[in-house]
């Protein structure tokens, strides 16, 4: 019951945020200067054709009515009709969403698999050469922009060694995993250093607490103390850092998708911006924002799984 109540509370807290996102997404598009239809058509369109398009899209009604209509349709999964492709935005998103989800999930899992052992090694060998190497490597990885990391891994693993393809999404489960490794590694190499620094800092703070000294006095090995007593308590701040950066990656992955020519939401967004396809831009902005809210909601729920004391807060 406590778990269910905690989950419902977090969901209820997220709903006003999502509603606020719909307000921002809808009215931000309205603030773009100029007539979107004329801009999209480069002025080569008559007033009658503009009026017909506005009527078809419902853009001739008052803004408040348009907003209510937009929210009501979005609530049932209807994000409007693409002006350029004359197709439902939901269908366009459904066609492109899987490469983006593969990229987001794979890169998150890979970054955690890279960060956990490195953070443990850095904390165990603190202020020794292994710690210094890991910290310097983390700083270098954090300083490099994702598109530059992508070009390096593409050049080394894709062109020089020929182990992985450098573009496309592939066919079938194995093909997807093979094609998505380099894009996922690109994001993981950018995200993992942040997690390493956060985990290392948290673990060192916990290692200085009294209960760790008691564990040492009982004769427990340093590795057992790190894994059994320290790591779990250090995970909550690391989960927060991970959630914040995953939220950033939702939009930052657009660059990585472009570098590796992935047919995901990023490529759809870039093309829609180029063609001034405002319904698609509006729908994608809403989807990206909702993904960010969901990621932060999952982070809140994971706090409870890591430390049950959160339920008593």
C-alpha atoms as a PDB file:
ATOM      1  CA  UNK A   1       0.000   0.000   0.000  1.00  0.00           C
ATOM      2  CA  UNK A   2       2.840   2.393   0.844  1.00  0.00           C
ATOM      3  CA  UNK A   3       4.490   1.664  -2.502  1.00  0.00           C
ATOM      4  CA  UNK A   4       1.216   2.253  -4.369  1.00  0.00           C
ATOM      5  CA  UNK A   5       0.542   5.511  -2.516  1.00  0.00           C
ATOM      6  CA  UNK A   6       4.076   6.748  -3.178  1.00  0.00           C
ATOM      7  CA  UNK A   7       3.737   5.907  -6.891  1.00  0.00           C
ATOM      8  CA  UNK A   8       0.357   7.635  -7.201  1.00  0.00           C
ATOM      9  CA  UNK A   9       1.693  10.731  -5.429  1.00  0.00           C
ATOM     10  CA  UNK A  10       4.590  10.977  -7.875  1.00  0.00           C
ATOM     11  CA  UNK A  11       2.254  10.525 -10.853  1.00  0.00           C
ATOM     12  CA  UNK A  12      -0.082  13.239  -9.534  1.00  0.00           C
ATOM     13  CA  UNK A  13       2.912  15.549  -9.083  1.00  0.00           C
ATOM     14  CA  UNK A  14       3.937  14.899 -12.696  1.00  0.00           C
ATOM     15  CA  UNK A  15       0.527  15.728 -14.203  1.00  0.00           C
ATOM     16  CA  UNK A  16       0.711  19.530 -13.624  1.00  0.00           C
ATOM     17  CA  UNK A  17       4.195  19.490 -15.143  1.00  0.00           C
ATOM     18  CA  UNK A  18       2.903  17.772 -18.276  1.00  0.00           C
ATOM     19  CA  UNK A  19       0.019  20.258 -18.453  1.00  0.00           C
ATOM     20  CA  UNK A  20       2.499  23.127 -18.144  1.00  0.00           C
ATOM     21  CA  UNK A  21       4.540  21.562 -20.933  1.00  0.00           C
ATOM     22  CA  UNK A  22       1.506  21.547 -23.228  1.00  0.00           C
ATOM     23  CA  UNK A  23       1.006  25.269 -22.546  1.00  0.00           C
ATOM     24  CA  UNK A  24       4.637  26.049 -23.363  1.00  0.00           C
ATOM     25  CA  UNK A  25       4.791  23.830 -26.455  1.00  0.00           C
ATOM     26  CA  UNK A  26       1.542  25.184 -27.912  1.00  0.00           C
ATOM     27  CA  UNK A  27       2.093  28.893 -27.311  1.00  0.00           C
ATOM     28  CA  UNK A  28       5.825  28.847 -28.133  1.00  0.00           C
ATOM     29  CA  UNK A  29       4.935  27.894 -31.702  1.00  0.00           C
ATOM     30  CA  UNK A  30       2.453  30.786 -31.821  1.00  0.00           C
ATOM     31  CA  UNK A  31       5.238  33.236 -30.929  1.00  0.00           C
ATOM     32  CA  UNK A  32       7.289  32.360 -34.024  1.00  0.00           C
ATOM     33  CA  UNK A  33       7.271  35.500 -36.173  1.00  0.00           C
ATOM     34  CA  UNK A  34       5.641  35.458 -39.570  1.00  0.00           C
ATOM     35  CA  UNK A  35       2.951  33.357 -41.182  1.00  0.00           C
ATOM     36  CA  UNK A  36       4.081  29.705 -40.887  1.00  0.00           C
ATOM     37  CA  UNK A  37       2.193  28.634 -44.020  1.00  0.00           C
ATOM     38  CA  UNK A  38       3.676  31.411 -46.175  1.00  0.00           C
ATOM     39  CA  UNK A  39       7.153  30.791 -44.740  1.00  0.00           C
ATOM     40  CA  UNK A  40       6.872  27.080 -45.462  1.00  0.00           C
ATOM     41  CA  UNK A  41       5.702  27.756 -49.044  1.00  0.00           C
ATOM     42  CA  UNK A  42       8.293  30.549 -49.519  1.00  0.00           C
ATOM     43  CA  UNK A  43       5.467  32.989 -50.274  1.00  0.00           C
ATOM     44  CA  UNK A  44       4.377  31.080 -53.405  1.00  0.00           C
ATOM     45  CA  UNK A  45       0.774  30.610 -52.294  1.00  0.00           C
ATOM     46  CA  UNK A  46      -2.417  32.601 -52.682  1.00  0.00           C
ATOM     47  CA  UNK A  47      -4.487  34.068 -49.864  1.00  0.00           C
ATOM     48  CA  UNK A  48      -7.316  31.635 -50.644  1.00  0.00           C
ATOM     49  CA  UNK A  49      -4.973  28.625 -50.329  1.00  0.00           C
ATOM     50  CA  UNK A  50      -3.587  29.953 -47.038  1.00  0.00           C
ATOM     51  CA  UNK A  51      -7.124  30.395 -45.680  1.00  0.00           C
ATOM     52  CA  UNK A  52      -8.058  26.859 -46.773  1.00  0.00           C
ATOM     53  CA  UNK A  53      -5.030  25.369 -44.997  1.00  0.00           C
ATOM     54  CA  UNK A  54      -5.760  27.386 -41.861  1.00  0.00           C
ATOM     55  CA  UNK A  55      -9.355  26.164 -41.869  1.00  0.00           C
ATOM     56  CA  UNK A  56      -8.318  22.537 -42.455  1.00  0.00           C
ATOM     57  CA  UNK A  57      -5.855  22.662 -39.549  1.00  0.00           C
ATOM     58  CA  UNK A  58      -8.234  24.574 -37.279  1.00  0.00           C
ATOM     59  CA  UNK A  59      -5.746  27.463 -37.032  1.00  0.00           C
ATOM     60  CA  UNK A  60      -8.413  30.080 -37.814  1.00  0.00           C
ATOM     61  CA  UNK A  61     -10.095  29.663 -34.406  1.00  0.00           C
ATOM     62  CA  UNK A  62      -9.223  31.619 -31.211  1.00  0.00           C
ATOM     63  CA  UNK A  63      -5.976  30.510 -29.555  1.00  0.00           C
ATOM     64  CA  UNK A  64      -7.650  29.336 -26.354  1.00  0.00           C
ATOM     65  CA  UNK A  65     -10.012  27.065 -28.305  1.00  0.00           C
ATOM     66  CA  UNK A  66      -7.078  25.802 -30.375  1.00  0.00           C
ATOM     67  CA  UNK A  67      -5.157  25.011 -27.166  1.00  0.00           C
ATOM     68  CA  UNK A  68      -8.081  23.122 -25.582  1.00  0.00           C
ATOM     69  CA  UNK A  69      -8.534  21.208 -28.820  1.00  0.00           C
ATOM     70  CA  UNK A  70      -4.790  20.447 -28.957  1.00  0.00           C
ATOM     71  CA  UNK A  71      -4.728  19.103 -25.371  1.00  0.00           C
ATOM     72  CA  UNK A  72      -7.907  17.064 -25.853  1.00  0.00           C
ATOM     73  CA  UNK A  73      -6.540  15.440 -29.016  1.00  0.00           C
ATOM     74  CA  UNK A  74      -3.062  14.922 -27.536  1.00  0.00           C
ATOM     75  CA  UNK A  75      -4.626  13.133 -24.554  1.00  0.00           C
ATOM     76  CA  UNK A  76      -5.926  10.440 -26.906  1.00  0.00           C
ATOM     77  CA  UNK A  77      -2.726  10.284 -28.964  1.00  0.00           C
ATOM     78  CA  UNK A  78      -3.748  12.586 -31.823  1.00  0.00           C
ATOM     79  CA  UNK A  79      -0.980  15.134 -32.467  1.00  0.00           C
ATOM     80  CA  UNK A  80      -2.443  16.633 -35.609  1.00  0.00           C
ATOM     81  CA  UNK A  81      -1.632  16.395 -39.326  1.00  0.00           C
ATOM     82  CA  UNK A  82       1.732  17.136 -40.936  1.00  0.00           C
ATOM     83  CA  UNK A  83       1.456  20.089 -43.308  1.00  0.00           C
ATOM     84  CA  UNK A  84       4.259  18.849 -45.563  1.00  0.00           C
ATOM     85  CA  UNK A  85       3.593  15.098 -45.629  1.00  0.00           C
ATOM     86  CA  UNK A  86      -0.186  15.344 -45.135  1.00  0.00           C
ATOM     87  CA  UNK A  87      -0.022  12.411 -42.694  1.00  0.00           C
ATOM     88  CA  UNK A  88      -0.892  12.052 -38.995  1.00  0.00           C
ATOM     89  CA  UNK A  89       1.970  13.200 -36.777  1.00  0.00           C
ATOM     90  CA  UNK A  90       1.350  10.181 -34.530  1.00  0.00           C
ATOM     91  CA  UNK A  91       1.980   7.822 -37.463  1.00  0.00           C
ATOM     92  CA  UNK A  92       5.192   9.648 -38.400  1.00  0.00           C
ATOM     93  CA  UNK A  93       6.396   9.459 -34.800  1.00  0.00           C
ATOM     94  CA  UNK A  94       5.495   5.768 -34.502  1.00  0.00           C
ATOM     95  CA  UNK A  95       7.585   5.068 -37.587  1.00  0.00           C
ATOM     96  CA  UNK A  96      10.654   6.861 -36.209  1.00  0.00           C
ATOM     97  CA  UNK A  97      10.464   6.317 -32.452  1.00  0.00           C
ATOM     98  CA  UNK A  98      12.098   2.880 -32.196  1.00  0.00           C
ATOM     99  CA  UNK A  99      15.633   3.905 -33.261  1.00  0.00           C
ATOM    100  CA  UNK A 100      15.468   6.761 -30.755  1.00  0.00           C
ATOM    101  CA  UNK A 101      14.269   4.470 -27.956  1.00  0.00           C
ATOM    102  CA  UNK A 102      16.960   1.933 -28.802  1.00  0.00           C
ATOM    103  CA  UNK A 103      19.563   4.682 -28.632  1.00  0.00           C
ATOM    104  CA  UNK A 104      18.293   6.094 -25.349  1.00  0.00           C
ATOM    105  CA  UNK A 105      17.955   2.746 -23.550  1.00  0.00           C
ATOM    106  CA  UNK A 106      21.152   1.173 -24.900  1.00  0.00           C
ATOM    107  CA  UNK A 107      23.282   4.215 -24.139  1.00  0.00           C
ATOM    108  CA  UNK A 108      21.866   4.450 -20.610  1.00  0.00           C
ATOM    109  CA  UNK A 109      22.545   0.764 -19.851  1.00  0.00           C
ATOM    110  CA  UNK A 110      26.001   0.942 -21.414  1.00  0.00           C
ATOM    111  CA  UNK A 111      26.927   4.085 -19.480  1.00  0.00           C
ATOM    112  CA  UNK A 112      25.919   2.427 -16.183  1.00  0.00           C
ATOM    113  CA  UNK A 113      27.923  -0.714 -17.052  1.00  0.00           C
ATOM    114  CA  UNK A 114      30.952   1.476 -17.739  1.00  0.00           C
ATOM    115  CA  UNK A 115      30.540   3.809 -14.768  1.00  0.00           C
ATOM    116  CA  UNK A 116      29.913   1.343 -11.909  1.00  0.00           C
ATOM    117  CA  UNK A 117      33.197  -0.623 -12.063  1.00  0.00           C
ATOM    118  CA  UNK A 118      35.237   2.498 -12.797  1.00  0.00           C
ATOM    119  CA  UNK A 119      33.707   4.361  -9.842  1.00  0.00           C
ATOM    120  CA  UNK A 120      34.322   1.393  -7.528  1.00  0.00           C
ATOM    121  CA  UNK A 121      37.937   1.120  -8.670  1.00  0.00           C
ATOM    122  CA  UNK A 122      38.430   4.865  -8.266  1.00  0.00           C
ATOM    123  CA  UNK A 123      37.027   4.820  -4.720  1.00  0.00           C
ATOM    124  CA  UNK A 124      38.939   1.683  -3.719  1.00  0.00           C
ATOM    125  CA  UNK A 125      42.279   2.994  -5.043  1.00  0.00           C
ATOM    126  CA  UNK A 126      41.582   6.611  -4.046  1.00  0.00           C
ATOM    127  CA  UNK A 127      44.502   8.984  -4.478  1.00  0.00           C
ATOM    128  CA  UNK A 128      46.557   6.258  -6.186  1.00  0.00           C
ATOM    129  CA  UNK A 129      47.545   5.925  -9.822  1.00  0.00           C
ATOM    130  CA  UNK A 130      44.421   3.970 -10.855  1.00  0.00           C
ATOM    131  CA  UNK A 131      42.225   6.686  -9.311  1.00  0.00           C
ATOM    132  CA  UNK A 132      44.186   9.416 -11.078  1.00  0.00           C
ATOM    133  CA  UNK A 133      43.950   7.650 -14.449  1.00  0.00           C
ATOM    134  CA  UNK A 134      40.181   7.180 -14.110  1.00  0.00           C
ATOM    135  CA  UNK A 135      39.629  10.785 -13.028  1.00  0.00           C
ATOM    136  CA  UNK A 136      41.739  12.215 -15.865  1.00  0.00           C
ATOM    137  CA  UNK A 137      39.969   9.935 -18.361  1.00  0.00           C
ATOM    138  CA  UNK A 138      36.606  11.069 -17.001  1.00  0.00           C
ATOM    139  CA  UNK A 139      37.517  14.722 -17.389  1.00  0.00           C
ATOM    140  CA  UNK A 140      38.662  14.143 -20.969  1.00  0.00           C
ATOM    141  CA  UNK A 141      35.453  12.257 -21.805  1.00  0.00           C
ATOM    142  CA  UNK A 142      33.282  14.951 -20.238  1.00  0.00           C
ATOM    143  CA  UNK A 143      35.114  17.711 -22.116  1.00  0.00           C
ATOM    144  CA  UNK A 144      34.566  16.108 -25.538  1.00  0.00           C
ATOM    145  CA  UNK A 145      31.254  16.939 -27.269  1.00  0.00           C
ATOM    146  CA  UNK A 146      29.124  13.951 -28.338  1.00  0.00           C
ATOM    147  CA  UNK A 147      29.458  14.635 -32.068  1.00  0.00           C
ATOM    148  CA  UNK A 148      33.276  14.560 -31.771  1.00  0.00           C
ATOM    149  CA  UNK A 149      33.165  11.299 -29.779  1.00  0.00           C
ATOM    150  CA  UNK A 150      30.852   9.916 -32.450  1.00  0.00           C
ATOM    151  CA  UNK A 151      33.292  10.789 -35.228  1.00  0.00           C
ATOM    152  CA  UNK A 152      36.180   9.171 -33.315  1.00  0.00           C
ATOM    153  CA  UNK A 153      34.373   5.873 -32.597  1.00  0.00           C
ATOM    154  CA  UNK A 154      33.046   5.849 -36.159  1.00  0.00           C
ATOM    155  CA  UNK A 155      36.565   6.281 -37.515  1.00  0.00           C
ATOM    156  CA  UNK A 156      38.211   3.720 -35.194  1.00  0.00           C
ATOM    157  CA  UNK A 157      35.622   0.937 -34.784  1.00  0.00           C
ATOM    158  CA  UNK A 158      33.747   1.486 -38.033  1.00  0.00           C
ATOM    159  CA  UNK A 159      36.290   2.449 -40.693  1.00  0.00           C
ATOM    160  CA  UNK A 160      39.668   1.266 -39.365  1.00  0.00           C
ATOM    161  CA  UNK A 161      38.629  -1.992 -37.673  1.00  0.00           C
ATOM    162  CA  UNK A 162      35.388  -2.518 -39.576  1.00  0.00           C
ATOM    163  CA  UNK A 163      33.677  -4.129 -36.582  1.00  0.00           C
ATOM    164  CA  UNK A 164      30.470  -2.103 -36.650  1.00  0.00           C
ATOM    165  CA  UNK A 165      28.397  -0.281 -39.305  1.00  0.00           C
ATOM    166  CA  UNK A 166      28.535   3.500 -39.169  1.00  0.00           C
ATOM    167  CA  UNK A 167      25.003   4.337 -40.336  1.00  0.00           C
ATOM    168  CA  UNK A 168      21.461   2.998 -40.486  1.00  0.00           C
ATOM    169  CA  UNK A 169      19.300   0.992 -38.102  1.00  0.00           C
ATOM    170  CA  UNK A 170      19.702  -2.515 -39.527  1.00  0.00           C
ATOM    171  CA  UNK A 171      17.156  -5.303 -39.860  1.00  0.00           C
ATOM    172  CA  UNK A 172      15.923  -7.606 -37.086  1.00  0.00           C
ATOM    173  CA  UNK A 173      16.933  -7.681 -33.434  1.00  0.00           C
ATOM    174  CA  UNK A 174      20.557  -8.635 -34.089  1.00  0.00           C
ATOM    175  CA  UNK A 175      20.875  -6.087 -36.879  1.00  0.00           C
ATOM    176  CA  UNK A 176      19.468  -3.326 -34.684  1.00  0.00           C
ATOM    177  CA  UNK A 177      21.870  -4.189 -31.844  1.00  0.00           C
ATOM    178  CA  UNK A 178      24.823  -4.270 -34.264  1.00  0.00           C
ATOM    179  CA  UNK A 179      23.987  -0.953 -35.915  1.00  0.00           C
ATOM    180  CA  UNK A 180      23.138   0.807 -32.643  1.00  0.00           C
ATOM    181  CA  UNK A 181      26.319  -0.092 -30.758  1.00  0.00           C
ATOM    182  CA  UNK A 182      28.457   2.817 -31.964  1.00  0.00           C
ATOM    183  CA  UNK A 183      25.759   5.501 -31.451  1.00  0.00           C
ATOM    184  CA  UNK A 184      25.055   4.063 -27.976  1.00  0.00           C
ATOM    185  CA  UNK A 185      28.769   3.948 -27.169  1.00  0.00           C
ATOM    186  CA  UNK A 186      29.081   7.584 -28.251  1.00  0.00           C
ATOM    187  CA  UNK A 187      26.497   8.747 -25.731  1.00  0.00           C
ATOM    188  CA  UNK A 188      27.753   6.333 -23.064  1.00  0.00           C
ATOM    189  CA  UNK A 189      31.307   7.693 -23.334  1.00  0.00           C
ATOM    190  CA  UNK A 190      29.904  11.167 -22.708  1.00  0.00           C
ATOM    191  CA  UNK A 191      27.514  10.172 -19.901  1.00  0.00           C
ATOM    192  CA  UNK A 192      29.662   7.611 -18.032  1.00  0.00           C
ATOM    193  CA  UNK A 193      32.332  10.134 -16.875  1.00  0.00           C
ATOM    194  CA  UNK A 194      29.615  12.224 -15.205  1.00  0.00           C
ATOM    195  CA  UNK A 195      28.316   9.144 -13.375  1.00  0.00           C
ATOM    196  CA  UNK A 196      31.840   8.094 -12.373  1.00  0.00           C
ATOM    197  CA  UNK A 197      32.538  11.477 -10.788  1.00  0.00           C
ATOM    198  CA  UNK A 198      29.177  11.526  -9.000  1.00  0.00           C
ATOM    199  CA  UNK A 199      29.468   7.955  -7.681  1.00  0.00           C
ATOM    200  CA  UNK A 200      33.081   8.386  -6.630  1.00  0.00           C
ATOM    201  CA  UNK A 201      32.317  11.584  -4.709  1.00  0.00           C
ATOM    202  CA  UNK A 202      29.311  10.013  -2.962  1.00  0.00           C
ATOM    203  CA  UNK A 203      31.216   6.847  -2.040  1.00  0.00           C
ATOM    204  CA  UNK A 204      34.141   8.794  -0.608  1.00  0.00           C
ATOM    205  CA  UNK A 205      31.752  10.823   1.560  1.00  0.00           C
ATOM    206  CA  UNK A 206      30.125   7.642   2.853  1.00  0.00           C
ATOM    207  CA  UNK A 207      33.485   5.964   3.463  1.00  0.00           C
ATOM    208  CA  UNK A 208      34.223   8.726   5.979  1.00  0.00           C
ATOM    209  CA  UNK A 209      31.095   8.006   8.080  1.00  0.00           C
ATOM    210  CA  UNK A 210      31.082   6.317  11.488  1.00  0.00           C
ATOM    211  CA  UNK A 211      29.197   3.171  10.480  1.00  0.00           C
ATOM    212  CA  UNK A 212      31.856   2.390   7.855  1.00  0.00           C
ATOM    213  CA  UNK A 213      34.517   2.652  10.562  1.00  0.00           C
ATOM    214  CA  UNK A 214      32.476   0.201  12.642  1.00  0.00           C
ATOM    215  CA  UNK A 215      32.339  -2.182   9.676  1.00  0.00           C
ATOM    216  CA  UNK A 216      36.108  -1.942   9.305  1.00  0.00           C
ATOM    217  CA  UNK A 217      36.531  -2.617  13.039  1.00  0.00           C
ATOM    218  CA  UNK A 218      34.502  -5.802  12.587  1.00  0.00           C
ATOM    219  CA  UNK A 219      37.100  -6.998  10.095  1.00  0.00           C
ATOM    220  CA  UNK A 220      35.079  -6.602   6.874  1.00  0.00           C
ATOM    221  CA  UNK A 221      37.184  -6.240   3.723  1.00  0.00           C
ATOM    222  CA  UNK A 222      37.282  -2.893   1.929  1.00  0.00           C
ATOM    223  CA  UNK A 223      35.663  -4.380  -1.180  1.00  0.00           C
ATOM    224  CA  UNK A 224      32.797  -5.848   0.834  1.00  0.00           C
ATOM    225  CA  UNK A 225      32.272  -2.529   2.595  1.00  0.00           C
ATOM    226  CA  UNK A 226      32.237  -0.707  -0.751  1.00  0.00           C
ATOM    227  CA  UNK A 227      29.779  -3.036  -2.465  1.00  0.00           C
ATOM    228  CA  UNK A 228      27.486  -3.991   0.420  1.00  0.00           C
ATOM    229  CA  UNK A 229      27.371  -0.839   2.535  1.00  0.00           C
ATOM    230  CA  UNK A 230      28.665   2.104   0.515  1.00  0.00           C
ATOM    231  CA  UNK A 231      27.486   1.595  -3.072  1.00  0.00           C
ATOM    232  CA  UNK A 232      23.789   1.286  -2.245  1.00  0.00           C
ATOM    233  CA  UNK A 233      23.771   4.507  -0.221  1.00  0.00           C
ATOM    234  CA  UNK A 234      25.720   6.288  -2.957  1.00  0.00           C
ATOM    235  CA  UNK A 235      23.240   5.332  -5.676  1.00  0.00           C
ATOM    236  CA  UNK A 236      20.542   7.918  -4.891  1.00  0.00           C
ATOM    237  CA  UNK A 237      22.600  10.994  -5.866  1.00  0.00           C
ATOM    238  CA  UNK A 238      23.943   9.055  -8.862  1.00  0.00           C
ATOM    239  CA  UNK A 239      20.383   8.221  -9.975  1.00  0.00           C
ATOM    240  CA  UNK A 240      19.537  11.927  -9.788  1.00  0.00           C
ATOM    241  CA  UNK A 241      22.543  12.785 -11.954  1.00  0.00           C
ATOM    242  CA  UNK A 242      21.632   9.995 -14.387  1.00  0.00           C
ATOM    243  CA  UNK A 243      18.001  11.169 -14.669  1.00  0.00           C
ATOM    244  CA  UNK A 244      19.037  14.780 -15.289  1.00  0.00           C
ATOM    245  CA  UNK A 245      21.490  13.765 -17.997  1.00  0.00           C
ATOM    246  CA  UNK A 246      19.091  11.314 -19.648  1.00  0.00           C
ATOM    247  CA  UNK A 247      16.665  14.217 -19.852  1.00  0.00           C
ATOM    248  CA  UNK A 248      19.361  16.217 -21.624  1.00  0.00           C
ATOM    249  CA  UNK A 249      20.162  13.271 -23.911  1.00  0.00           C
ATOM    250  CA  UNK A 250      16.558  13.166 -25.133  1.00  0.00           C
ATOM    251  CA  UNK A 251      17.303  16.361 -27.043  1.00  0.00           C
ATOM    252  CA  UNK A 252      21.084  15.913 -27.343  1.00  0.00           C
ATOM    253  CA  UNK A 253      20.645  12.546 -29.072  1.00  0.00           C
ATOM    254  CA  UNK A 254      19.389  14.473 -32.108  1.00  0.00           C
ATOM    255  CA  UNK A 255      23.031  15.299 -32.921  1.00  0.00           C
ATOM    256  CA  UNK A 256      24.157  11.685 -32.536  1.00  0.00           C
ATOM    257  CA  UNK A 257      21.300  10.477 -34.733  1.00  0.00           C
ATOM    258  CA  UNK A 258      22.358  12.977 -37.383  1.00  0.00           C
ATOM    259  CA  UNK A 259      26.033  11.886 -37.206  1.00  0.00           C
ATOM    260  CA  UNK A 260      25.129   8.200 -37.640  1.00  0.00           C
ATOM    261  CA  UNK A 261      22.251   8.798 -40.100  1.00  0.00           C
ATOM    262  CA  UNK A 262      19.731   7.079 -37.842  1.00  0.00           C
ATOM    263  CA  UNK A 263      16.088   7.218 -38.984  1.00  0.00           C
ATOM    264  CA  UNK A 264      14.855   8.361 -35.566  1.00  0.00           C
ATOM    265  CA  UNK A 265      12.949  11.243 -34.056  1.00  0.00           C
ATOM    266  CA  UNK A 266      16.032  13.445 -34.348  1.00  0.00           C
ATOM    267  CA  UNK A 267      16.133  13.166 -38.129  1.00  0.00           C
ATOM    268  CA  UNK A 268      12.379  13.767 -38.266  1.00  0.00           C
ATOM    269  CA  UNK A 269      12.771  16.904 -36.138  1.00  0.00           C
ATOM    270  CA  UNK A 270      15.638  18.287 -38.236  1.00  0.00           C
ATOM    271  CA  UNK A 271      13.679  17.720 -41.457  1.00  0.00           C
ATOM    272  CA  UNK A 272      10.517  19.240 -39.994  1.00  0.00           C
ATOM    273  CA  UNK A 273      12.382  22.349 -38.858  1.00  0.00           C
ATOM    274  CA  UNK A 274      13.875  22.696 -42.341  1.00  0.00           C
ATOM    275  CA  UNK A 275      10.428  22.501 -43.962  1.00  0.00           C
ATOM    276  CA  UNK A 276       8.706  24.606 -41.243  1.00  0.00           C
ATOM    277  CA  UNK A 277       6.318  21.703 -40.545  1.00  0.00           C
ATOM    278  CA  UNK A 278       4.919  23.202 -37.340  1.00  0.00           C
ATOM    279  CA  UNK A 279       2.458  20.440 -36.328  1.00  0.00           C
ATOM    280  CA  UNK A 280       5.300  17.892 -36.388  1.00  0.00           C
ATOM    281  CA  UNK A 281       7.632  20.232 -34.471  1.00  0.00           C
ATOM    282  CA  UNK A 282       4.895  20.828 -31.917  1.00  0.00           C
ATOM    283  CA  UNK A 283       4.138  17.111 -31.553  1.00  0.00           C
ATOM    284  CA  UNK A 284       7.822  16.138 -31.217  1.00  0.00           C
ATOM    285  CA  UNK A 285       8.451  18.879 -28.657  1.00  0.00           C
ATOM    286  CA  UNK A 286       5.564  17.551 -26.578  1.00  0.00           C
ATOM    287  CA  UNK A 287       6.834  13.963 -26.871  1.00  0.00           C
ATOM    288  CA  UNK A 288      10.379  14.931 -25.854  1.00  0.00           C
ATOM    289  CA  UNK A 289       9.041  16.857 -22.866  1.00  0.00           C
ATOM    290  CA  UNK A 290       6.819  13.960 -21.768  1.00  0.00           C
ATOM    291  CA  UNK A 291       9.796  11.571 -22.024  1.00  0.00           C
ATOM    292  CA  UNK A 292      11.772  13.885 -19.744  1.00  0.00           C
ATOM    293  CA  UNK A 293       8.920  13.918 -17.207  1.00  0.00           C
ATOM    294  CA  UNK A 294       8.610  10.117 -17.361  1.00  0.00           C
ATOM    295  CA  UNK A 295      12.376   9.676 -16.866  1.00  0.00           C
ATOM    296  CA  UNK A 296      12.282  11.853 -13.769  1.00  0.00           C
ATOM    297  CA  UNK A 297       9.223   9.958 -12.508  1.00  0.00           C
ATOM    298  CA  UNK A 298      11.099   6.664 -12.929  1.00  0.00           C
ATOM    299  CA  UNK A 299      14.043   8.173 -11.056  1.00  0.00           C
ATOM    300  CA  UNK A 300      11.734   9.045  -8.143  1.00  0.00           C
ATOM    301  CA  UNK A 301      10.406   5.483  -8.071  1.00  0.00           C
ATOM    302  CA  UNK A 302      13.917   4.022  -8.230  1.00  0.00           C
ATOM    303  CA  UNK A 303      14.846   5.967  -5.064  1.00  0.00           C
ATOM    304  CA  UNK A 304      12.313   3.845  -3.228  1.00  0.00           C
ATOM    305  CA  UNK A 305      13.783   0.609  -4.588  1.00  0.00           C
ATOM    306  CA  UNK A 306      17.302   1.622  -3.552  1.00  0.00           C
ATOM    307  CA  UNK A 307      16.405   2.965  -0.117  1.00  0.00           C
ATOM    308  CA  UNK A 308      13.080   2.199   1.605  1.00  0.00           C
ATOM    309  CA  UNK A 309      13.616   5.139   3.945  1.00  0.00           C
ATOM    310  CA  UNK A 310      12.425   7.370   1.090  1.00  0.00           C
ATOM    311  CA  UNK A 311       8.884   6.113   1.759  1.00  0.00           C
ATOM    312  CA  UNK A 312       9.031   7.585   5.245  1.00  0.00           C
ATOM    313  CA  UNK A 313      10.025  11.031   4.004  1.00  0.00           C
END
